[in-house]
Amino acid sequence: MATTIARIPFSGSTHGRGVKVAATATAGTTIHTATSSATDCDVITLYATNSDSASVNLTIEYGGTTSPDDLIKLAIPATSGLTLVLPDFVLRNSLIIKAFAGTANVITIHGFVNRVTTT
């Protein structure tokens, strides 16, 4: 059995660029849709930046929208650099990561996916 790991951009990204969070409520802006496999997985690392002059609340909908099960909430500091949001979280089976923020178009999501495939 062989395992391969491929680093890929978020499916919601354009050529690996950041994904601007436009949504201010559920359902959020799509960041990434995980592999459709029930056995392979995506290992996701996600960072957020805030270009606003005030702290902005960010909610990550991690595979669903049920509170508190699927929601990750944090404040992203004003004019911040990269703030770690998800450190190597695993997702599969076409589940989707979405995000919404207290202010539209000031939070940008950056990061990558390590797609782990076993053959």
PDB file of N, CA and C in Angstrom:
ATOM      1  N   MET A   1       0.844  -1.171   0.000  1.00  0.00           N
ATOM      2  CA  MET A   1       0.000   0.000   0.000  1.00  0.00           C
ATOM      3  C   MET A   1       0.893   1.239   0.000  1.00  0.00           C
ATOM      4  N   ALA A   2       0.667   2.134  -0.982  1.00  0.00           N
ATOM      5  CA  ALA A   2       1.474   3.345  -1.100  1.00  0.00           C
ATOM      6  C   ALA A   2       0.640   4.568  -0.754  1.00  0.00           C
ATOM      7  N   THR A   3       1.293   5.513  -0.086  1.00  0.00           N
ATOM      8  CA  THR A   3       0.635   6.762   0.268  1.00  0.00           C
ATOM      9  C   THR A   3       1.326   7.895  -0.465  1.00  0.00           C
ATOM     10  N   THR A   4       0.523   8.777  -1.084  1.00  0.00           N
ATOM     11  CA  THR A   4       1.076   9.959  -1.734  1.00  0.00           C
ATOM     12  C   THR A   4       0.457  11.196  -1.087  1.00  0.00           C
ATOM     13  N   ILE A   5       1.238  12.257  -1.041  1.00  0.00           N
ATOM     14  CA  ILE A   5       0.774  13.526  -0.506  1.00  0.00           C
ATOM     15  C   ILE A   5       1.038  14.591  -1.561  1.00  0.00           C
ATOM     16  N   ALA A   6      -0.018  15.305  -1.925  1.00  0.00           N
ATOM     17  CA  ALA A   6       0.107  16.383  -2.904  1.00  0.00           C
ATOM     18  C   ALA A   6      -0.393  17.674  -2.271  1.00  0.00           C
ATOM     19  N   ARG A   7       0.423  18.717  -2.313  1.00  0.00           N
ATOM     20  CA  ARG A   7      -0.001  20.014  -1.780  1.00  0.00           C
ATOM     21  C   ARG A   7      -0.778  20.728  -2.876  1.00  0.00           C
ATOM     22  N   ILE A   8      -2.019  21.118  -2.550  1.00  0.00           N
ATOM     23  CA  ILE A   8      -2.900  21.762  -3.520  1.00  0.00           C
ATOM     24  C   ILE A   8      -3.505  23.022  -2.910  1.00  0.00           C
ATOM     25  N   PRO A   9      -3.953  23.961  -3.763  1.00  0.00           N
ATOM     26  CA  PRO A   9      -4.629  25.153  -3.233  1.00  0.00           C
ATOM     27  C   PRO A   9      -6.053  24.816  -2.817  1.00  0.00           C
ATOM     28  N   PHE A  10      -6.666  25.718  -2.061  1.00  0.00           N
ATOM     29  CA  PHE A  10      -8.070  25.564  -1.715  1.00  0.00           C
ATOM     30  C   PHE A  10      -8.895  25.528  -3.000  1.00  0.00           C
ATOM     31  N   SER A  11      -9.949  24.738  -3.013  1.00  0.00           N
ATOM     32  CA  SER A  11     -10.812  24.674  -4.193  1.00  0.00           C
ATOM     33  C   SER A  11     -11.522  26.002  -4.432  1.00  0.00           C
ATOM     34  N   GLY A  12     -11.695  26.809  -3.395  1.00  0.00           N
ATOM     35  CA  GLY A  12     -12.329  28.117  -3.536  1.00  0.00           C
ATOM     36  C   GLY A  12     -11.372  29.222  -3.934  1.00  0.00           C
ATOM     37  N   SER A  13     -10.112  28.866  -4.134  1.00  0.00           N
ATOM     38  CA  SER A  13      -9.072  29.827  -4.478  1.00  0.00           C
ATOM     39  C   SER A  13      -8.894  29.901  -5.996  1.00  0.00           C
ATOM     40  N   THR A  14      -8.362  31.026  -6.442  1.00  0.00           N
ATOM     41  CA  THR A  14      -7.977  31.162  -7.842  1.00  0.00           C
ATOM     42  C   THR A  14      -6.463  31.051  -7.906  1.00  0.00           C
ATOM     43  N   HIS A  15      -5.977  29.916  -8.381  1.00  0.00           N
ATOM     44  CA  HIS A  15      -4.541  29.683  -8.570  1.00  0.00           C
ATOM     45  C   HIS A  15      -3.728  29.829  -7.286  1.00  0.00           C
ATOM     46  N   GLY A  16      -4.332  29.488  -6.133  1.00  0.00           N
ATOM     47  CA  GLY A  16      -3.614  29.536  -4.870  1.00  0.00           C
ATOM     48  C   GLY A  16      -3.661  30.874  -4.157  1.00  0.00           C
ATOM     49  N   ARG A  17      -4.347  31.841  -4.734  1.00  0.00           N
ATOM     50  CA  ARG A  17      -4.471  33.158  -4.085  1.00  0.00           C
ATOM     51  C   ARG A  17      -5.421  33.069  -2.906  1.00  0.00           C
ATOM     52  N   GLY A  18      -5.414  34.078  -2.047  1.00  0.00           N
ATOM     53  CA  GLY A  18      -6.302  34.124  -0.901  1.00  0.00           C
ATOM     54  C   GLY A  18      -7.767  34.175  -1.312  1.00  0.00           C
ATOM     55  N   VAL A  19      -8.627  33.707  -0.419  1.00  0.00           N
ATOM     56  CA  VAL A  19     -10.070  33.730  -0.657  1.00  0.00           C
ATOM     57  C   VAL A  19     -10.674  34.821   0.221  1.00  0.00           C
ATOM     58  N   LYS A  20     -11.247  35.853  -0.400  1.00  0.00           N
ATOM     59  CA  LYS A  20     -11.859  36.951   0.342  1.00  0.00           C
ATOM     60  C   LYS A  20     -13.205  36.503   0.893  1.00  0.00           C
ATOM     61  N   VAL A  21     -13.424  36.740   2.185  1.00  0.00           N
ATOM     62  CA  VAL A  21     -14.672  36.345   2.839  1.00  0.00           C
ATOM     63  C   VAL A  21     -15.691  37.470   2.632  1.00  0.00           C
ATOM     64  N   ALA A  22     -16.637  37.226   1.728  1.00  0.00           N
ATOM     65  CA  ALA A  22     -17.672  38.209   1.423  1.00  0.00           C
ATOM     66  C   ALA A  22     -18.900  38.027   2.305  1.00  0.00           C
ATOM     67  N   ALA A  23     -19.162  36.792   2.728  1.00  0.00           N
ATOM     68  CA  ALA A  23     -20.370  36.498   3.500  1.00  0.00           C
ATOM     69  C   ALA A  23     -20.282  37.062   4.916  1.00  0.00           C
ATOM     70  N   THR A  24     -21.423  37.522   5.429  1.00  0.00           N
ATOM     71  CA  THR A  24     -21.504  38.016   6.806  1.00  0.00           C
ATOM     72  C   THR A  24     -22.448  37.166   7.654  1.00  0.00           C
ATOM     73  N   ALA A  25     -22.926  36.064   7.088  1.00  0.00           N
ATOM     74  CA  ALA A  25     -23.798  35.128   7.813  1.00  0.00           C
ATOM     75  C   ALA A  25     -23.725  33.784   7.105  1.00  0.00           C
ATOM     76  N   THR A  26     -24.282  32.765   7.758  1.00  0.00           N
ATOM     77  CA  THR A  26     -24.324  31.450   7.147  1.00  0.00           C
ATOM     78  C   THR A  26     -25.271  31.474   5.947  1.00  0.00           C
ATOM     79  N   ALA A  27     -25.075  30.770   4.928  1.00  0.00           N
ATOM     80  CA  ALA A  27     -23.932  29.950   4.589  1.00  0.00           C
ATOM     81  C   ALA A  27     -22.800  30.844   4.097  1.00  0.00           C
ATOM     82  N   GLY A  28     -21.613  30.556   4.579  1.00  0.00           N
ATOM     83  CA  GLY A  28     -20.470  31.406   4.316  1.00  0.00           C
ATOM     84  C   GLY A  28     -19.898  31.277   2.925  1.00  0.00           C
ATOM     85  N   THR A  29     -18.821  32.023   2.704  1.00  0.00           N
ATOM     86  CA  THR A  29     -18.047  31.951   1.471  1.00  0.00           C
ATOM     87  C   THR A  29     -17.314  30.611   1.438  1.00  0.00           C
ATOM     88  N   THR A  30     -17.384  29.893   0.330  1.00  0.00           N
ATOM     89  CA  THR A  30     -16.715  28.589   0.222  1.00  0.00           C
ATOM     90  C   THR A  30     -15.205  28.778   0.155  1.00  0.00           C
ATOM     91  N   ILE A  31     -14.513  28.080   1.057  1.00  0.00           N
ATOM     92  CA  ILE A  31     -13.051  28.085   1.082  1.00  0.00           C
ATOM     93  C   ILE A  31     -12.520  26.836   0.391  1.00  0.00           C
ATOM     94  N   HIS A  32     -13.042  25.662   0.790  1.00  0.00           N
ATOM     95  CA  HIS A  32     -12.535  24.412   0.216  1.00  0.00           C
ATOM     96  C   HIS A  32     -13.571  23.300   0.339  1.00  0.00           C
ATOM     97  N   THR A  33     -13.652  22.490  -0.710  1.00  0.00           N
ATOM     98  CA  THR A  33     -14.443  21.261  -0.689  1.00  0.00           C
ATOM     99  C   THR A  33     -13.463  20.097  -0.647  1.00  0.00           C
ATOM    100  N   ALA A  34     -13.596  19.251   0.362  1.00  0.00           N
ATOM    101  CA  ALA A  34     -12.657  18.143   0.574  1.00  0.00           C
ATOM    102  C   ALA A  34     -12.804  17.073  -0.495  1.00  0.00           C
ATOM    103  N   THR A  35     -11.814  16.207  -0.553  1.00  0.00           N
ATOM    104  CA  THR A  35     -11.840  15.071  -1.459  1.00  0.00           C
ATOM    105  C   THR A  35     -13.146  14.296  -1.276  1.00  0.00           C
ATOM    106  N   SER A  36     -13.642  13.715  -2.355  1.00  0.00           N
ATOM    107  CA  SER A  36     -14.893  12.952  -2.287  1.00  0.00           C
ATOM    108  C   SER A  36     -14.693  11.566  -1.690  1.00  0.00           C
ATOM    109  N   SER A  37     -13.460  11.163  -1.506  1.00  0.00           N
ATOM    110  CA  SER A  37     -13.144   9.836  -0.974  1.00  0.00           C
ATOM    111  C   SER A  37     -13.575   9.692   0.490  1.00  0.00           C
ATOM    112  N   ALA A  38     -13.988   8.497   0.832  1.00  0.00           N
ATOM    113  CA  ALA A  38     -14.301   8.199   2.235  1.00  0.00           C
ATOM    114  C   ALA A  38     -13.085   7.651   2.972  1.00  0.00           C
ATOM    115  N   THR A  39     -11.978   7.399   2.239  1.00  0.00           N
ATOM    116  CA  THR A  39     -10.776   6.852   2.864  1.00  0.00           C
ATOM    117  C   THR A  39      -9.567   7.784   2.726  1.00  0.00           C
ATOM    118  N   ASP A  40      -9.408   8.458   1.592  1.00  0.00           N
ATOM    119  CA  ASP A  40      -8.349   9.451   1.449  1.00  0.00           C
ATOM    120  C   ASP A  40      -8.769  10.690   2.244  1.00  0.00           C
ATOM    121  N   CYS A  41      -7.849  11.624   2.451  1.00  0.00           N
ATOM    122  CA  CYS A  41      -8.235  12.805   3.229  1.00  0.00           C
ATOM    123  C   CYS A  41      -7.458  14.038   2.799  1.00  0.00           C
ATOM    124  N   ASP A  42      -8.010  15.179   3.167  1.00  0.00           N
ATOM    125  CA  ASP A  42      -7.345  16.462   2.994  1.00  0.00           C
ATOM    126  C   ASP A  42      -6.910  16.949   4.371  1.00  0.00           C
ATOM    127  N   VAL A  43      -5.647  17.319   4.479  1.00  0.00           N
ATOM    128  CA  VAL A  43      -5.113  17.903   5.707  1.00  0.00           C
ATOM    129  C   VAL A  43      -4.985  19.407   5.428  1.00  0.00           C
ATOM    130  N   ILE A  44      -5.764  20.194   6.153  1.00  0.00           N
ATOM    131  CA  ILE A  44      -5.966  21.596   5.808  1.00  0.00           C
ATOM    132  C   ILE A  44      -5.314  22.518   6.836  1.00  0.00           C
ATOM    133  N   THR A  45      -4.534  23.478   6.320  1.00  0.00           N
ATOM    134  CA  THR A  45      -3.957  24.530   7.148  1.00  0.00           C
ATOM    135  C   THR A  45      -4.499  25.851   6.632  1.00  0.00           C
ATOM    136  N   LEU A  46      -5.057  26.632   7.536  1.00  0.00           N
ATOM    137  CA  LEU A  46      -5.764  27.846   7.136  1.00  0.00           C
ATOM    138  C   LEU A  46      -5.306  29.011   8.009  1.00  0.00           C
ATOM    139  N   TYR A  47      -5.032  30.139   7.351  1.00  0.00           N
ATOM    140  CA  TYR A  47      -4.661  31.382   8.010  1.00  0.00           C
ATOM    141  C   TYR A  47      -5.632  32.473   7.569  1.00  0.00           C
ATOM    142  N   ALA A  48      -5.820  33.484   8.401  1.00  0.00           N
ATOM    143  CA  ALA A  48      -6.666  34.616   8.036  1.00  0.00           C
ATOM    144  C   ALA A  48      -5.899  35.916   8.218  1.00  0.00           C
ATOM    145  N   THR A  49      -6.168  36.875   7.352  1.00  0.00           N
ATOM    146  CA  THR A  49      -5.654  38.234   7.509  1.00  0.00           C
ATOM    147  C   THR A  49      -6.836  39.189   7.553  1.00  0.00           C
ATOM    148  N   ASN A  50      -6.659  40.288   8.251  1.00  0.00           N
ATOM    149  CA  ASN A  50      -7.704  41.298   8.399  1.00  0.00           C
ATOM    150  C   ASN A  50      -7.133  42.639   7.963  1.00  0.00           C
ATOM    151  N   SER A  51      -7.693  43.206   6.896  1.00  0.00           N
ATOM    152  CA  SER A  51      -7.212  44.499   6.397  1.00  0.00           C
ATOM    153  C   SER A  51      -7.938  45.685   7.023  1.00  0.00           C
ATOM    154  N   ASP A  52      -8.908  45.417   7.893  1.00  0.00           N
ATOM    155  CA  ASP A  52      -9.695  46.483   8.519  1.00  0.00           C
ATOM    156  C   ASP A  52      -8.921  47.133   9.669  1.00  0.00           C
ATOM    157  N   SER A  53      -9.383  48.325  10.077  1.00  0.00           N
ATOM    158  CA  SER A  53      -8.747  49.037  11.189  1.00  0.00           C
ATOM    159  C   SER A  53      -9.294  48.600  12.548  1.00  0.00           C
ATOM    160  N   ALA A  54     -10.231  47.635  12.549  1.00  0.00           N
ATOM    161  CA  ALA A  54     -10.793  47.096  13.790  1.00  0.00           C
ATOM    162  C   ALA A  54     -10.755  45.566  13.740  1.00  0.00           C
ATOM    163  N   SER A  55     -10.746  44.954  14.895  1.00  0.00           N
ATOM    164  CA  SER A  55     -10.826  43.498  14.987  1.00  0.00           C
ATOM    165  C   SER A  55     -12.144  43.034  14.367  1.00  0.00           C
ATOM    166  N   VAL A  56     -12.107  41.897  13.686  1.00  0.00           N
ATOM    167  CA  VAL A  56     -13.306  41.369  13.026  1.00  0.00           C
ATOM    168  C   VAL A  56     -13.495  39.918  13.447  1.00  0.00           C
ATOM    169  N   ASN A  57     -14.727  39.574  13.826  1.00  0.00           N
ATOM    170  CA  ASN A  57     -15.047  38.188  14.182  1.00  0.00           C
ATOM    171  C   ASN A  57     -15.175  37.348  12.921  1.00  0.00           C
ATOM    172  N   LEU A  58     -14.538  36.180  12.962  1.00  0.00           N
ATOM    173  CA  LEU A  58     -14.561  35.232  11.853  1.00  0.00           C
ATOM    174  C   LEU A  58     -15.167  33.928  12.347  1.00  0.00           C
ATOM    175  N   THR A  59     -16.066  33.359  11.560  1.00  0.00           N
ATOM    176  CA  THR A  59     -16.630  32.046  11.856  1.00  0.00           C
ATOM    177  C   THR A  59     -16.305  31.110  10.707  1.00  0.00           C
ATOM    178  N   ILE A  60     -15.672  29.992  11.038  1.00  0.00           N
ATOM    179  CA  ILE A  60     -15.395  28.931  10.072  1.00  0.00           C
ATOM    180  C   ILE A  60     -16.471  27.867  10.236  1.00  0.00           C
ATOM    181  N   GLU A  61     -17.128  27.509   9.146  1.00  0.00           N
ATOM    182  CA  GLU A  61     -18.100  26.418   9.127  1.00  0.00           C
ATOM    183  C   GLU A  61     -17.354  25.193   8.623  1.00  0.00           C
ATOM    184  N   TYR A  62     -16.962  24.333   9.548  1.00  0.00           N
ATOM    185  CA  TYR A  62     -16.066  23.225   9.246  1.00  0.00           C
ATOM    186  C   TYR A  62     -16.860  21.951   8.955  1.00  0.00           C
ATOM    187  N   GLY A  63     -17.239  21.769   7.696  1.00  0.00           N
ATOM    188  CA  GLY A  63     -17.951  20.571   7.277  1.00  0.00           C
ATOM    189  C   GLY A  63     -19.443  20.627   7.513  1.00  0.00           C
ATOM    190  N   GLY A  64     -19.953  21.701   8.076  1.00  0.00           N
ATOM    191  CA  GLY A  64     -21.384  21.844   8.349  1.00  0.00           C
ATOM    192  C   GLY A  64     -21.663  23.172   9.010  1.00  0.00           C
ATOM    193  N   THR A  65     -22.918  23.329   9.469  1.00  0.00           N
ATOM    194  CA  THR A  65     -23.318  24.608  10.057  1.00  0.00           C
ATOM    195  C   THR A  65     -23.926  24.466  11.453  1.00  0.00           C
ATOM    196  N   THR A  66     -23.821  23.281  12.044  1.00  0.00           N
ATOM    197  CA  THR A  66     -24.397  23.045  13.358  1.00  0.00           C
ATOM    198  C   THR A  66     -23.538  23.692  14.445  1.00  0.00           C
ATOM    199  N   SER A  67     -24.194  24.450  15.316  1.00  0.00           N
ATOM    200  CA  SER A  67     -23.482  25.060  16.438  1.00  0.00           C
ATOM    201  C   SER A  67     -23.684  24.208  17.685  1.00  0.00           C
ATOM    202  N   PRO A  68     -22.654  23.934  18.452  1.00  0.00           N
ATOM    203  CA  PRO A  68     -21.270  24.357  18.287  1.00  0.00           C
ATOM    204  C   PRO A  68     -20.413  23.353  17.504  1.00  0.00           C
ATOM    205  N   ASP A  69     -20.990  22.241  17.087  1.00  0.00           N
ATOM    206  CA  ASP A  69     -20.225  21.125  16.505  1.00  0.00           C
ATOM    207  C   ASP A  69     -19.315  21.517  15.342  1.00  0.00           C
ATOM    208  N   ASP A  70     -19.835  22.304  14.405  1.00  0.00           N
ATOM    209  CA  ASP A  70     -19.124  22.598  13.165  1.00  0.00           C
ATOM    210  C   ASP A  70     -18.533  24.000  13.101  1.00  0.00           C
ATOM    211  N   LEU A  71     -18.758  24.809  14.111  1.00  0.00           N
ATOM    212  CA  LEU A  71     -18.347  26.212  14.043  1.00  0.00           C
ATOM    213  C   LEU A  71     -17.086  26.484  14.849  1.00  0.00           C
ATOM    214  N   ILE A  72     -16.172  27.193  14.221  1.00  0.00           N
ATOM    215  CA  ILE A  72     -14.944  27.642  14.865  1.00  0.00           C
ATOM    216  C   ILE A  72     -14.983  29.165  14.795  1.00  0.00           C
ATOM    217  N   LYS A  73     -15.000  29.814  15.955  1.00  0.00           N
ATOM    218  CA  LYS A  73     -15.135  31.267  16.008  1.00  0.00           C
ATOM    219  C   LYS A  73     -13.903  31.893  16.637  1.00  0.00           C
ATOM    220  N   LEU A  74     -13.423  32.972  16.021  1.00  0.00           N
ATOM    221  CA  LEU A  74     -12.309  33.706  16.597  1.00  0.00           C
ATOM    222  C   LEU A  74     -12.296  35.120  16.073  1.00  0.00           C
ATOM    223  N   ALA A  75     -11.658  36.003  16.814  1.00  0.00           N
ATOM    224  CA  ALA A  75     -11.498  37.393  16.398  1.00  0.00           C
ATOM    225  C   ALA A  75     -10.146  37.529  15.702  1.00  0.00           C
ATOM    226  N   ILE A  76     -10.157  38.141  14.533  1.00  0.00           N
ATOM    227  CA  ILE A  76      -8.923  38.380  13.789  1.00  0.00           C
ATOM    228  C   ILE A  76      -8.527  39.830  14.042  1.00  0.00           C
ATOM    229  N   PRO A  77      -7.346  40.049  14.632  1.00  0.00           N
ATOM    230  CA  PRO A  77      -6.933  41.411  15.006  1.00  0.00           C
ATOM    231  C   PRO A  77      -6.856  42.363  13.809  1.00  0.00           C
ATOM    232  N   ALA A  78      -7.010  43.656  14.090  1.00  0.00           N
ATOM    233  CA  ALA A  78      -6.929  44.692  13.059  1.00  0.00           C
ATOM    234  C   ALA A  78      -5.582  44.670  12.361  1.00  0.00           C
ATOM    235  N   THR A  79      -5.617  44.960  11.076  1.00  0.00           N
ATOM    236  CA  THR A  79      -4.425  45.027  10.214  1.00  0.00           C
ATOM    237  C   THR A  79      -3.398  43.952  10.563  1.00  0.00           C
ATOM    238  N   SER A  80      -3.897  42.755  10.769  1.00  0.00           N
ATOM    239  CA  SER A  80      -3.019  41.663  11.189  1.00  0.00           C
ATOM    240  C   SER A  80      -2.366  40.991   9.990  1.00  0.00           C
ATOM    241  N   GLY A  81      -1.259  40.387  10.259  1.00  0.00           N
ATOM    242  CA  GLY A  81      -0.644  39.508   9.284  1.00  0.00           C
ATOM    243  C   GLY A  81      -1.384  38.187   9.314  1.00  0.00           C
ATOM    244  N   LEU A  82      -0.698  37.115   9.059  1.00  0.00           N
ATOM    245  CA  LEU A  82      -1.330  35.800   9.038  1.00  0.00           C
ATOM    246  C   LEU A  82      -1.636  35.323  10.458  1.00  0.00           C
ATOM    247  N   THR A  83      -2.906  35.033  10.723  1.00  0.00           N
ATOM    248  CA  THR A  83      -3.348  34.483  12.001  1.00  0.00           C
ATOM    249  C   THR A  83      -3.746  33.035  11.768  1.00  0.00           C
ATOM    250  N   LEU A  84      -3.105  32.106  12.456  1.00  0.00           N
ATOM    251  CA  LEU A  84      -3.422  30.694  12.279  1.00  0.00           C
ATOM    252  C   LEU A  84      -4.844  30.412  12.742  1.00  0.00           C
ATOM    253  N   VAL A  85      -5.621  29.752  11.885  1.00  0.00           N
ATOM    254  CA  VAL A  85      -7.013  29.419  12.188  1.00  0.00           C
ATOM    255  C   VAL A  85      -7.193  27.912  12.300  1.00  0.00           C
ATOM    256  N   LEU A  86      -6.693  27.149  11.345  1.00  0.00           N
ATOM    257  CA  LEU A  86      -6.772  25.683  11.368  1.00  0.00           C
ATOM    258  C   LEU A  86      -5.382  25.101  11.158  1.00  0.00           C
ATOM    259  N   PRO A  87      -4.806  24.453  12.169  1.00  0.00           N
ATOM    260  CA  PRO A  87      -3.495  23.824  12.003  1.00  0.00           C
ATOM    261  C   PRO A  87      -3.632  22.331  11.699  1.00  0.00           C
ATOM    262  N   ASP A  88      -3.565  21.965  10.439  1.00  0.00           N
ATOM    263  CA  ASP A  88      -3.567  20.552  10.029  1.00  0.00           C
ATOM    264  C   ASP A  88      -4.833  19.804  10.438  1.00  0.00           C
ATOM    265  N   PHE A  89      -5.993  20.349  10.127  1.00  0.00           N
ATOM    266  CA  PHE A  89      -7.266  19.676  10.364  1.00  0.00           C
ATOM    267  C   PHE A  89      -7.557  18.737   9.201  1.00  0.00           C
ATOM    268  N   VAL A  90      -8.198  17.610   9.486  1.00  0.00           N
ATOM    269  CA  VAL A  90      -8.483  16.586   8.479  1.00  0.00           C
ATOM    270  C   VAL A  90      -9.953  16.638   8.076  1.00  0.00           C
ATOM    271  N   LEU A  91     -10.198  16.526   6.756  1.00  0.00           N
ATOM    272  CA  LEU A  91     -11.558  16.518   6.234  1.00  0.00           C
ATOM    273  C   LEU A  91     -11.606  15.616   5.005  1.00  0.00           C
ATOM    274  N   ARG A  92     -12.765  14.983   4.774  1.00  0.00           N
ATOM    275  CA  ARG A  92     -12.944  14.101   3.611  1.00  0.00           C
ATOM    276  C   ARG A  92     -14.418  14.032   3.261  1.00  0.00           C
ATOM    277  N   ASN A  93     -14.742  13.161   2.306  1.00  0.00           N
ATOM    278  CA  ASN A  93     -16.124  12.830   1.959  1.00  0.00           C
ATOM    279  C   ASN A  93     -16.916  14.042   1.450  1.00  0.00           C
ATOM    280  N   SER A  94     -16.261  14.911   0.670  1.00  0.00           N
ATOM    281  CA  SER A  94     -16.864  16.097   0.040  1.00  0.00           C
ATOM    282  C   SER A  94     -17.431  17.122   1.026  1.00  0.00           C
ATOM    283  N   LEU A  95     -16.983  17.069   2.284  1.00  0.00           N
ATOM    284  CA  LEU A  95     -17.421  18.088   3.233  1.00  0.00           C
ATOM    285  C   LEU A  95     -16.789  19.429   2.858  1.00  0.00           C
ATOM    286  N   ILE A  96     -17.457  20.505   3.230  1.00  0.00           N
ATOM    287  CA  ILE A  96     -17.066  21.839   2.768  1.00  0.00           C
ATOM    288  C   ILE A  96     -16.694  22.735   3.944  1.00  0.00           C
ATOM    289  N   ILE A  97     -15.632  23.518   3.749  1.00  0.00           N
ATOM    290  CA  ILE A  97     -15.261  24.564   4.699  1.00  0.00           C
ATOM    291  C   ILE A  97     -15.749  25.887   4.115  1.00  0.00           C
ATOM    292  N   LYS A  98     -16.535  26.596   4.908  1.00  0.00           N
ATOM    293  CA  LYS A  98     -17.017  27.921   4.525  1.00  0.00           C
ATOM    294  C   LYS A  98     -16.653  28.894   5.637  1.00  0.00           C
ATOM    295  N   ALA A  99     -16.736  30.193   5.336  1.00  0.00           N
ATOM    296  CA  ALA A  99     -16.417  31.206   6.336  1.00  0.00           C
ATOM    297  C   ALA A  99     -17.315  32.409   6.165  1.00  0.00           C
ATOM    298  N   PHE A 100     -17.648  33.033   7.311  1.00  0.00           N
ATOM    299  CA  PHE A 100     -18.302  34.337   7.264  1.00  0.00           C
ATOM    300  C   PHE A 100     -17.692  35.214   8.353  1.00  0.00           C
ATOM    301  N   ALA A 101     -17.815  36.529   8.160  1.00  0.00           N
ATOM    302  CA  ALA A 101     -17.165  37.475   9.070  1.00  0.00           C
ATOM    303  C   ALA A 101     -18.135  38.581   9.465  1.00  0.00           C
ATOM    304  N   GLY A 102     -17.792  39.288  10.540  1.00  0.00           N
ATOM    305  CA  GLY A 102     -18.605  40.393  11.020  1.00  0.00           C
ATOM    306  C   GLY A 102     -18.640  41.570  10.066  1.00  0.00           C
ATOM    307  N   THR A 103     -17.641  41.681   9.205  1.00  0.00           N
ATOM    308  CA  THR A 103     -17.564  42.726   8.186  1.00  0.00           C
ATOM    309  C   THR A 103     -17.198  42.061   6.870  1.00  0.00           C
ATOM    310  N   ALA A 104     -17.903  42.408   5.809  1.00  0.00           N
ATOM    311  CA  ALA A 104     -17.647  41.804   4.497  1.00  0.00           C
ATOM    312  C   ALA A 104     -16.369  42.338   3.869  1.00  0.00           C
ATOM    313  N   ASN A 105     -15.666  41.464   3.179  1.00  0.00           N
ATOM    314  CA  ASN A 105     -14.551  41.811   2.293  1.00  0.00           C
ATOM    315  C   ASN A 105     -13.322  42.424   2.973  1.00  0.00           C
ATOM    316  N   VAL A 106     -13.104  42.127   4.252  1.00  0.00           N
ATOM    317  CA  VAL A 106     -11.887  42.588   4.916  1.00  0.00           C
ATOM    318  C   VAL A 106     -11.024  41.422   5.415  1.00  0.00           C
ATOM    319  N   ILE A 107     -11.608  40.231   5.493  1.00  0.00           N
ATOM    320  CA  ILE A 107     -10.867  39.031   5.902  1.00  0.00           C
ATOM    321  C   ILE A 107     -10.525  38.239   4.640  1.00  0.00           C
ATOM    322  N   THR A 108      -9.277  37.844   4.545  1.00  0.00           N
ATOM    323  CA  THR A 108      -8.836  36.983   3.442  1.00  0.00           C
ATOM    324  C   THR A 108      -8.254  35.714   4.048  1.00  0.00           C
ATOM    325  N   ILE A 109      -8.640  34.579   3.467  1.00  0.00           N
ATOM    326  CA  ILE A 109      -8.182  33.274   3.932  1.00  0.00           C
ATOM    327  C   ILE A 109      -7.067  32.785   3.011  1.00  0.00           C
ATOM    328  N   HIS A 110      -5.951  32.397   3.627  1.00  0.00           N
ATOM    329  CA  HIS A 110      -4.806  31.845   2.900  1.00  0.00           C
ATOM    330  C   HIS A 110      -4.510  30.462   3.471  1.00  0.00           C
ATOM    331  N   GLY A 111      -3.736  29.683   2.756  1.00  0.00           N
ATOM    332  CA  GLY A 111      -3.333  28.385   3.277  1.00  0.00           C
ATOM    333  C   GLY A 111      -3.172  27.361   2.174  1.00  0.00           C
ATOM    334  N   PHE A 112      -3.287  26.098   2.575  1.00  0.00           N
ATOM    335  CA  PHE A 112      -3.061  25.022   1.622  1.00  0.00           C
ATOM    336  C   PHE A 112      -3.697  23.741   2.128  1.00  0.00           C
ATOM    337  N   VAL A 113      -3.752  22.778   1.223  1.00  0.00           N
ATOM    338  CA  VAL A 113      -4.286  21.462   1.526  1.00  0.00           C
ATOM    339  C   VAL A 113      -3.228  20.440   1.152  1.00  0.00           C
ATOM    340  N   ASN A 114      -2.957  19.508   2.058  1.00  0.00           N
ATOM    341  CA  ASN A 114      -2.151  18.334   1.729  1.00  0.00           C
ATOM    342  C   ASN A 114      -3.132  17.184   1.499  1.00  0.00           C
ATOM    343  N   ARG A 115      -3.295  16.801   0.232  1.00  0.00           N
ATOM    344  CA  ARG A 115      -4.211  15.716  -0.102  1.00  0.00           C
ATOM    345  C   ARG A 115      -3.465  14.394   0.031  1.00  0.00           C
ATOM    346  N   VAL A 116      -3.934  13.549   0.950  1.00  0.00           N
ATOM    347  CA  VAL A 116      -3.300  12.267   1.247  1.00  0.00           C
ATOM    348  C   VAL A 116      -4.106  11.170   0.581  1.00  0.00           C
ATOM    349  N   THR A 117      -3.449  10.435  -0.319  1.00  0.00           N
ATOM    350  CA  THR A 117      -4.097   9.372  -1.088  1.00  0.00           C
ATOM    351  C   THR A 117      -3.357   8.067  -0.842  1.00  0.00           C
ATOM    352  N   THR A 118      -4.118   7.013  -0.569  1.00  0.00           N
ATOM    353  CA  THR A 118      -3.539   5.687  -0.359  1.00  0.00           C
ATOM    354  C   THR A 118      -4.001   4.770  -1.485  1.00  0.00           C
ATOM    355  N   THR A 119      -3.048   4.110  -2.120  1.00  0.00           N
ATOM    356  CA  THR A 119      -3.384   3.189  -3.227  1.00  0.00           C
ATOM    357  C   THR A 119      -2.890   1.792  -2.941  1.00  0.00           C
TER     358      THR A 119
END
